[in-house]
C-alpha atoms as a PDB file:
ATOM      1  CA  MET A   1      65.683  62.592  12.625  1.00  0.00           C
ATOM      2  CA  ASN A   2      65.529  64.689  14.824  1.00  0.00           C
ATOM      3  CA  PHE A   3      68.130  64.845  18.057  1.00  0.00           C
ATOM      4  CA  LYS A   4      67.386  66.377  21.157  1.00  0.00           C
ATOM      5  CA  LYS A   5      69.769  66.773  24.622  1.00  0.00           C
ATOM      6  CA  ALA A   6      68.918  68.112  27.995  1.00  0.00           C
ATOM      7  CA  LEU A   7      71.700  68.745  30.423  1.00  0.00           C
ATOM      8  CA  VAL A   8      71.386  70.018  33.472  1.00  0.00           C
ATOM      9  CA  SER A   9      73.556  71.976  35.713  1.00  0.00           C
ATOM     10  CA  THR A  10      73.892  72.272  40.064  1.00  0.00           C
ATOM     11  CA  LEU A  11      76.626  73.476  42.100  1.00  0.00           C
ATOM     12  CA  GLY A  12      78.752  72.330  39.173  1.00  0.00           C
ATOM     13  CA  THR A  13      78.199  69.201  38.804  1.00  0.00           C
ATOM     14  CA  ALA A  14      76.547  67.996  35.668  1.00  0.00           C
ATOM     15  CA  ALA A  15      73.924  65.574  34.602  1.00  0.00           C
ATOM     16  CA  ILE A  16      72.863  63.674  31.482  1.00  0.00           C
ATOM     17  CA  LEU A  17      68.928  63.436  32.319  1.00  0.00           C
ATOM     18  CA  GLY A  18      68.746  62.418  28.957  1.00  0.00           C
ATOM     19  CA  ALA A  19      68.022  61.906  25.178  1.00  0.00           C
ATOM     20  CA  GLY A  20      65.312  61.271  22.897  1.00  0.00           C
ATOM     21  CA  PHE A  21      65.119  59.830  18.858  1.00  0.00           C
ATOM     22  CA  PHE A  22      61.888  59.780  17.100  1.00  0.00           C
ATOM     23  CA  ALA A  23      62.136  58.840  13.639  1.00  0.00           C
ATOM     24  CA  SER A  24      58.743  59.104  10.804  1.00  0.00           C
ATOM     25  CA  THR A  25      58.307  57.469   8.359  1.00  0.00           C
ATOM     26  CA  THR A  26      55.201  58.146   5.619  1.00  0.00           C
ATOM     27  CA  SER A  27      53.687  55.732   2.385  1.00  0.00           C
ATOM     28  CA  ALA A  28      51.033  56.602  -0.412  1.00  0.00           C
ATOM     29  CA  ASN A  29      50.109  54.763  -3.397  1.00  0.00           C
ATOM     30  CA  ALA A  30      48.861  56.804  -5.981  1.00  0.00           C
ATOM     31  CA  ASP A  31      45.259  55.599  -8.151  1.00  0.00           C
ATOM     32  CA  VAL A  32      46.603  52.636 -10.540  1.00  0.00           C
ATOM     33  CA  ARG A  33      44.181  51.769 -13.744  1.00  0.00           C
ATOM     34  CA  VAL A  34      44.652  48.188 -14.207  1.00  0.00           C
ATOM     35  CA  THR A  35      43.259  45.491 -17.555  1.00  0.00           C
ATOM     36  CA  VAL A  36      40.643  43.195 -16.279  1.00  0.00           C
ATOM     37  CA  LYS A  37      42.438  39.520 -17.574  1.00  0.00           C
ATOM     38  CA  SER A  38      40.779  36.078 -17.572  1.00  0.00           C
ATOM     39  CA  GLY A  39      40.408  34.396 -14.738  1.00  0.00           C
ATOM     40  CA  ASP A  40      40.320  38.119 -12.975  1.00  0.00           C
ATOM     41  CA  THR A  41      37.722  38.734 -10.896  1.00  0.00           C
ATOM     42  CA  VAL A  42      36.855  42.033  -8.722  1.00  0.00           C
ATOM     43  CA  ALA A  43      37.494  40.488  -4.897  1.00  0.00           C
ATOM     44  CA  LYS A  44      40.705  39.108  -6.492  1.00  0.00           C
ATOM     45  CA  ILE A  45      42.311  42.081  -7.970  1.00  0.00           C
ATOM     46  CA  ALA A  46      41.377  44.606  -5.037  1.00  0.00           C
ATOM     47  CA  ASN A  47      43.923  42.241  -3.028  1.00  0.00           C
ATOM     48  CA  GLN A  48      46.435  42.043  -5.313  1.00  0.00           C
ATOM     49  CA  TYR A  49      46.445  45.816  -5.347  1.00  0.00           C
ATOM     50  CA  ASN A  50      45.321  46.838  -1.457  1.00  0.00           C
ATOM     51  CA  SER A  51      42.704  47.913  -2.247  1.00  0.00           C
ATOM     52  CA  SER A  52      38.850  46.192  -1.844  1.00  0.00           C
ATOM     53  CA  VAL A  53      35.391  45.794  -3.163  1.00  0.00           C
ATOM     54  CA  SER A  54      33.017  48.176  -2.238  1.00  0.00           C
ATOM     55  CA  ALA A  55      36.127  51.279  -3.336  1.00  0.00           C
ATOM     56  CA  ILE A  56      36.934  49.681  -6.273  1.00  0.00           C
ATOM     57  CA  GLU A  57      32.936  49.054  -7.338  1.00  0.00           C
ATOM     58  CA  SER A  58      32.602  53.636  -6.728  1.00  0.00           C
ATOM     59  CA  ALA A  59      35.388  53.848  -8.613  1.00  0.00           C
ATOM     60  CA  ASN A  60      34.298  52.983 -11.368  1.00  0.00           C
ATOM     61  CA  SER A  61      30.664  52.820 -10.506  1.00  0.00           C
ATOM     62  CA  LEU A  62      30.049  48.849 -11.284  1.00  0.00           C
ATOM     63  CA  LYS A  63      26.614  47.871 -11.311  1.00  0.00           C
ATOM     64  CA  ASN A  64      27.079  44.853 -10.123  1.00  0.00           C
ATOM     65  CA  VAL A  65      31.029  43.522  -9.226  1.00  0.00           C
ATOM     66  CA  ASN A  66      30.146  40.140  -9.940  1.00  0.00           C
ATOM     67  CA  MET A  67      30.618  40.539 -13.506  1.00  0.00           C
ATOM     68  CA  ILE A  68      33.540  42.145 -16.064  1.00  0.00           C
ATOM     69  CA  TYR A  69      35.349  41.977 -18.665  1.00  0.00           C
ATOM     70  CA  VAL A  70      38.212  40.700 -20.358  1.00  0.00           C
ATOM     71  CA  GLY A  71      39.782  43.279 -21.677  1.00  0.00           C
ATOM     72  CA  GLU A  72      38.040  46.137 -19.822  1.00  0.00           C
ATOM     73  CA  SER A  73      39.411  48.995 -17.718  1.00  0.00           C
ATOM     74  CA  LEU A  74      39.136  49.013 -13.935  1.00  0.00           C
ATOM     75  CA  VAL A  75      40.664  52.156 -11.438  1.00  0.00           C
ATOM     76  CA  ILE A  76      41.762  50.945  -8.376  1.00  0.00           C
ATOM     77  CA  PRO A  77      41.671  53.548  -5.335  1.00  0.00           C
ATOM     78  CA  SER A  78      44.518  53.647  -3.747  1.00  0.00           C
ATOM     79  CA  SER A  79      44.372  52.322   0.128  1.00  0.00           C
ATOM     80  CA  ALA A  80      45.380  54.568   2.462  1.00  0.00           C
ATOM     81  CA  SER A  81      48.756  57.046   4.065  1.00  0.00           C
ATOM     82  CA  THR A  82      49.710  54.985   5.969  1.00  0.00           C
ATOM     83  CA  THR A  83      52.239  56.926   8.583  1.00  0.00           C
ATOM     84  CA  THR A  84      54.757  54.879  11.503  1.00  0.00           C
ATOM     85  CA  THR A  85      56.283  56.785  14.297  1.00  0.00           C
ATOM     86  CA  THR A  86      58.989  55.068  16.199  1.00  0.00           C
ATOM     87  CA  GLN A  87      60.681  56.853  19.734  1.00  0.00           C
ATOM     88  CA  THR A  88      62.917  55.765  21.180  1.00  0.00           C
ATOM     89  CA  GLN A  89      64.087  57.239  24.554  1.00  0.00           C
ATOM     90  CA  THR A  90      66.887  56.392  26.783  1.00  0.00           C
ATOM     91  CA  THR A  91      67.985  58.657  30.750  1.00  0.00           C
ATOM     92  CA  THR A  92      70.563  58.376  32.019  1.00  0.00           C
ATOM     93  CA  PRO A  93      69.161  57.890  36.073  1.00  0.00           C
ATOM     94  CA  SER A  94      70.855  61.059  38.255  1.00  0.00           C
ATOM     95  CA  THR A  95      72.059  61.068  41.442  1.00  0.00           C
ATOM     96  CA  SER A  96      67.877  60.350  43.464  1.00  0.00           C
ATOM     97  CA  GLN A  97      67.055  57.587  41.187  1.00  0.00           C
ATOM     98  CA  THR A  98      70.415  55.565  41.227  1.00  0.00           C
ATOM     99  CA  THR A  99      69.957  55.953  45.301  1.00  0.00           C
ATOM    100  CA  SER A 100      65.744  54.443  44.539  1.00  0.00           C
ATOM    101  CA  ALA A 101      67.063  52.322  42.861  1.00  0.00           C
ATOM    102  CA  ASN A 102      69.071  50.858  45.318  1.00  0.00           C
ATOM    103  CA  THR A 103      67.036  51.022  47.716  1.00  0.00           C
ATOM    104  CA  ALA A 104      64.189  49.221  45.426  1.00  0.00           C
ATOM    105  CA  ALA A 105      66.815  46.421  44.886  1.00  0.00           C
ATOM    106  CA  ALA A 106      67.990  45.661  48.325  1.00  0.00           C
ATOM    107  CA  THR A 107      64.025  45.393  49.619  1.00  0.00           C
ATOM    108  CA  THR A 108      63.707  42.955  46.821  1.00  0.00           C
ATOM    109  CA  THR A 109      66.857  41.263  48.225  1.00  0.00           C
ATOM    110  CA  ARG A 110      64.982  40.767  51.856  1.00  0.00           C
ATOM    111  CA  ALA A 111      61.503  39.935  50.135  1.00  0.00           C
ATOM    112  CA  ALA A 112      63.037  37.178  48.719  1.00  0.00           C
ATOM    113  CA  THR A 113      65.179  36.109  52.143  1.00  0.00           C
ATOM    114  CA  THR A 114      61.797  36.090  54.134  1.00  0.00           C
ATOM    115  CA  GLY A 115      59.823  34.190  51.814  1.00  0.00           C
ATOM    116  CA  THR A 116      57.237  36.905  51.062  1.00  0.00           C
ATOM    117  CA  THR A 117      57.540  36.896  46.988  1.00  0.00           C
ATOM    118  CA  ASN A 118      55.141  33.522  45.560  1.00  0.00           C
ATOM    119  CA  TYR A 119      57.612  34.267  42.243  1.00  0.00           C
ATOM    120  CA  SER A 120      55.877  30.238  41.812  1.00  0.00           C
ATOM    121  CA  SER A 121      52.193  31.694  42.358  1.00  0.00           C
ATOM    122  CA  GLN A 122      53.102  34.215  39.674  1.00  0.00           C
ATOM    123  CA  GLN A 123      54.765  31.751  37.350  1.00  0.00           C
ATOM    124  CA  ASN A 124      51.775  29.232  37.583  1.00  0.00           C
ATOM    125  CA  THR A 125      48.610  31.822  37.101  1.00  0.00           C
ATOM    126  CA  SER A 126      51.135  32.578  33.819  1.00  0.00           C
ATOM    127  CA  ALA A 127      51.258  29.257  32.587  1.00  0.00           C
ATOM    128  CA  ASN A 128      47.312  29.124  32.624  1.00  0.00           C
ATOM    129  CA  THR A 129      46.650  31.946  30.936  1.00  0.00           C
ATOM    130  CA  ALA A 130      48.948  31.020  28.054  1.00  0.00           C
ATOM    131  CA  SER A 131      46.927  27.387  28.450  1.00  0.00           C
ATOM    132  CA  THR A 132      43.517  29.016  28.222  1.00  0.00           C
ATOM    133  CA  THR A 133      44.677  31.211  25.440  1.00  0.00           C
ATOM    134  CA  ALA A 134      45.395  28.244  23.099  1.00  0.00           C
ATOM    135  CA  ASN A 135      42.356  26.498  23.573  1.00  0.00           C
ATOM    136  CA  THR A 136      40.657  29.096  22.122  1.00  0.00           C
ATOM    137  CA  ALA A 137      43.160  29.473  19.433  1.00  0.00           C
ATOM    138  CA  ASN A 138      42.832  25.735  18.970  1.00  0.00           C
ATOM    139  CA  ALA A 139      38.808  25.603  18.771  1.00  0.00           C
ATOM    140  CA  SER A 140      38.808  28.743  16.204  1.00  0.00           C
ATOM    141  CA  SER A 141      41.256  26.797  14.400  1.00  0.00           C
ATOM    142  CA  THR A 142      38.057  23.983  13.980  1.00  0.00           C
ATOM    143  CA  SER A 143      35.595  25.985  13.663  1.00  0.00           C
ATOM    144  CA  THR A 144      37.351  27.873  10.698  1.00  0.00           C
ATOM    145  CA  SER A 145      37.992  24.926   9.253  1.00  0.00           C
ATOM    146  CA  THR A 146      34.743  22.974   9.305  1.00  0.00           C
ATOM    147  CA  SER A 147      33.395  25.989   7.917  1.00  0.00           C
ATOM    148  CA  THR A 148      35.805  25.846   5.256  1.00  0.00           C
ATOM    149  CA  SER A 149      35.264  22.204   5.106  1.00  0.00           C
ATOM    150  CA  SER A 150      30.963  22.157   4.239  1.00  0.00           C
ATOM    151  CA  SER A 151      31.477  25.782   2.303  1.00  0.00           C
ATOM    152  CA  SER A 152      33.599  23.221  -0.014  1.00  0.00           C
ATOM    153  CA  SER A 153      31.069  20.784  -0.256  1.00  0.00           C
ATOM    154  CA  SER A 154      28.275  23.045  -1.547  1.00  0.00           C
ATOM    155  CA  GLU A 155      30.391  24.369  -3.725  1.00  0.00           C
ATOM    156  CA  ALA A 156      31.132  21.146  -5.266  1.00  0.00           C
ATOM    157  CA  ALA A 157      27.746  20.299  -5.429  1.00  0.00           C
ATOM    158  CA  ALA A 158      25.932  23.116  -7.298  1.00  0.00           C
ATOM    159  CA  LYS A 159      29.001  22.768  -9.502  1.00  0.00           C
ATOM    160  CA  ALA A 160      27.905  18.901 -10.240  1.00  0.00           C
ATOM    161  CA  TRP A 161      24.338  20.018 -10.251  1.00  0.00           C
ATOM    162  CA  ILE A 162      24.432  22.338 -13.153  1.00  0.00           C
ATOM    163  CA  ALA A 163      26.679  20.561 -15.009  1.00  0.00           C
ATOM    164  CA  ASN A 164      24.216  17.386 -14.833  1.00  0.00           C
ATOM    165  CA  LYS A 165      21.946  19.689 -16.143  1.00  0.00           C
ATOM    166  CA  GLU A 166      24.064  21.473 -18.924  1.00  0.00           C
ATOM    167  CA  SER A 167      25.277  18.325 -20.528  1.00  0.00           C
ATOM    168  CA  GLY A 168      24.349  14.487 -18.341  1.00  0.00           C
ATOM    169  CA  GLY A 169      27.683  15.266 -16.774  1.00  0.00           C
ATOM    170  CA  SER A 170      29.702  14.337 -20.743  1.00  0.00           C
ATOM    171  CA  TYR A 171      32.229  16.670 -21.478  1.00  0.00           C
ATOM    172  CA  SER A 172      31.839  15.531 -25.292  1.00  0.00           C
ATOM    173  CA  ALA A 173      28.053  16.948 -25.073  1.00  0.00           C
ATOM    174  CA  THR A 174      27.655  19.587 -27.643  1.00  0.00           C
ATOM    175  CA  ASN A 175      24.313  22.009 -28.977  1.00  0.00           C
ATOM    176  CA  GLY A 176      25.794  24.516 -31.008  1.00  0.00           C
ATOM    177  CA  GLN A 177      28.656  26.889 -30.022  1.00  0.00           C
ATOM    178  CA  TYR A 178      27.520  25.388 -27.262  1.00  0.00           C
ATOM    179  CA  ILE A 179      30.743  22.696 -26.211  1.00  0.00           C
ATOM    180  CA  GLY A 180      31.672  20.705 -23.351  1.00  0.00           C
ATOM    181  CA  LYS A 181      30.625  18.951 -19.937  1.00  0.00           C
ATOM    182  CA  TYR A 182      29.683  23.066 -19.150  1.00  0.00           C
ATOM    183  CA  GLN A 183      28.079  24.146 -22.214  1.00  0.00           C
ATOM    184  CA  LEU A 184      30.075  26.885 -22.579  1.00  0.00           C
ATOM    185  CA  SER A 185      30.726  29.168 -26.154  1.00  0.00           C
ATOM    186  CA  SER A 186      33.666  28.284 -27.800  1.00  0.00           C
ATOM    187  CA  SER A 187      35.038  31.438 -27.785  1.00  0.00           C
ATOM    188  CA  TYR A 188      35.131  30.792 -23.877  1.00  0.00           C
ATOM    189  CA  LEU A 189      37.206  27.553 -24.747  1.00  0.00           C
ATOM    190  CA  ASN A 190      40.038  29.042 -27.442  1.00  0.00           C
ATOM    191  CA  GLY A 191      39.663  26.139 -29.128  1.00  0.00           C
ATOM    192  CA  ASP A 192      40.323  23.646 -26.514  1.00  0.00           C
ATOM    193  CA  TYR A 193      37.926  21.427 -25.550  1.00  0.00           C
ATOM    194  CA  SER A 194      39.712  19.580 -23.000  1.00  0.00           C
ATOM    195  CA  ALA A 195      38.613  18.544 -20.019  1.00  0.00           C
ATOM    196  CA  ALA A 196      41.238  20.325 -18.057  1.00  0.00           C
ATOM    197  CA  ASN A 197      40.475  23.185 -19.571  1.00  0.00           C
ATOM    198  CA  GLN A 198      36.727  22.972 -19.708  1.00  0.00           C
ATOM    199  CA  GLU A 199      36.910  23.167 -16.374  1.00  0.00           C
ATOM    200  CA  LYS A 200      39.416  25.693 -15.788  1.00  0.00           C
ATOM    201  CA  VAL A 201      37.300  28.134 -17.907  1.00  0.00           C
ATOM    202  CA  ALA A 202      34.302  27.332 -16.610  1.00  0.00           C
ATOM    203  CA  ASN A 203      35.792  28.282 -12.325  1.00  0.00           C
ATOM    204  CA  GLN A 204      36.449  31.593 -14.204  1.00  0.00           C
ATOM    205  CA  TYR A 205      33.520  32.654 -15.914  1.00  0.00           C
ATOM    206  CA  VAL A 206      31.616  31.505 -12.391  1.00  0.00           C
ATOM    207  CA  SER A 207      33.746  33.263 -10.574  1.00  0.00           C
ATOM    208  CA  SER A 208      34.005  36.273 -12.732  1.00  0.00           C
ATOM    209  CA  ARG A 209      30.114  36.579 -13.706  1.00  0.00           C
ATOM    210  CA  TYR A 210      28.857  34.997 -10.398  1.00  0.00           C
ATOM    211  CA  GLY A 211      30.640  34.961  -7.449  1.00  0.00           C
ATOM    212  CA  SER A 212      30.127  30.852  -6.156  1.00  0.00           C
ATOM    213  CA  TRP A 213      29.036  28.337  -8.057  1.00  0.00           C
ATOM    214  CA  ALA A 214      26.094  28.087  -5.478  1.00  0.00           C
ATOM    215  CA  LYS A 215      24.900  32.056  -6.748  1.00  0.00           C
ATOM    216  CA  ALA A 216      25.071  30.408 -10.245  1.00  0.00           C
ATOM    217  CA  GLN A 217      23.339  27.194  -9.469  1.00  0.00           C
ATOM    218  CA  ALA A 218      20.542  29.721  -8.009  1.00  0.00           C
ATOM    219  CA  PHE A 219      20.199  32.450 -10.903  1.00  0.00           C
ATOM    220  CA  TRP A 220      20.181  28.667 -13.497  1.00  0.00           C
ATOM    221  CA  GLN A 221      17.203  27.897 -10.982  1.00  0.00           C
ATOM    222  CA  ALA A 222      15.600  31.347 -12.015  1.00  0.00           C
ATOM    223  CA  ASN A 223      16.146  32.094 -15.099  1.00  0.00           C
ATOM    224  CA  GLY A 224      16.614  28.426 -16.859  1.00  0.00           C
ATOM    225  CA  TRP A 225      20.687  29.435 -17.417  1.00  0.00           C
ATOM    226  CA  TYR A 226      23.085  30.342 -16.196  1.00  0.00           C
END
């Protein structure tokens, strides 16, 4: 912390002109190394450790950011250090400043008395500005909601398409080591062939490997499997 005071004397009369307070805080994060767990994606890890997908991709030389494996060790670059500086300034007015303030106050009082200051107009302008801002925010929210709903519908359709191609939508379908509605390897399901676990593991698999069901569908259409 740094405290600074200035003292000015005129004809033996002292007046404190100003005092300032400055505070600075700095925070920094070090790179960390994490082990990929079931259900992890690069985007999820980046968000958890305040990093970015591109930074993790670069630090680990990933050929495909949509394909990481359980047990894999990744270096997570830290975000840039941040420094915050706070300044508080207080000033005790000198005699001339006090006189100017009194003059301004008297002028304002006269203006209010004679009706030359129209506060009502200023208030109406502020209210109109606030209303316009609120309408813009509502329109943006509606657009975002519509986009999210459309995306969710597309994902559900892609997921149902793959399930139909793999098993006809049957949780009990089997083909060698591949089991269930999404024909997942028995090692992925870890012995739990319940419908709930099939849905959970399928979502984790697609999210980790492709990033979305829509992308998984595109891959299936190009290669005949996903």
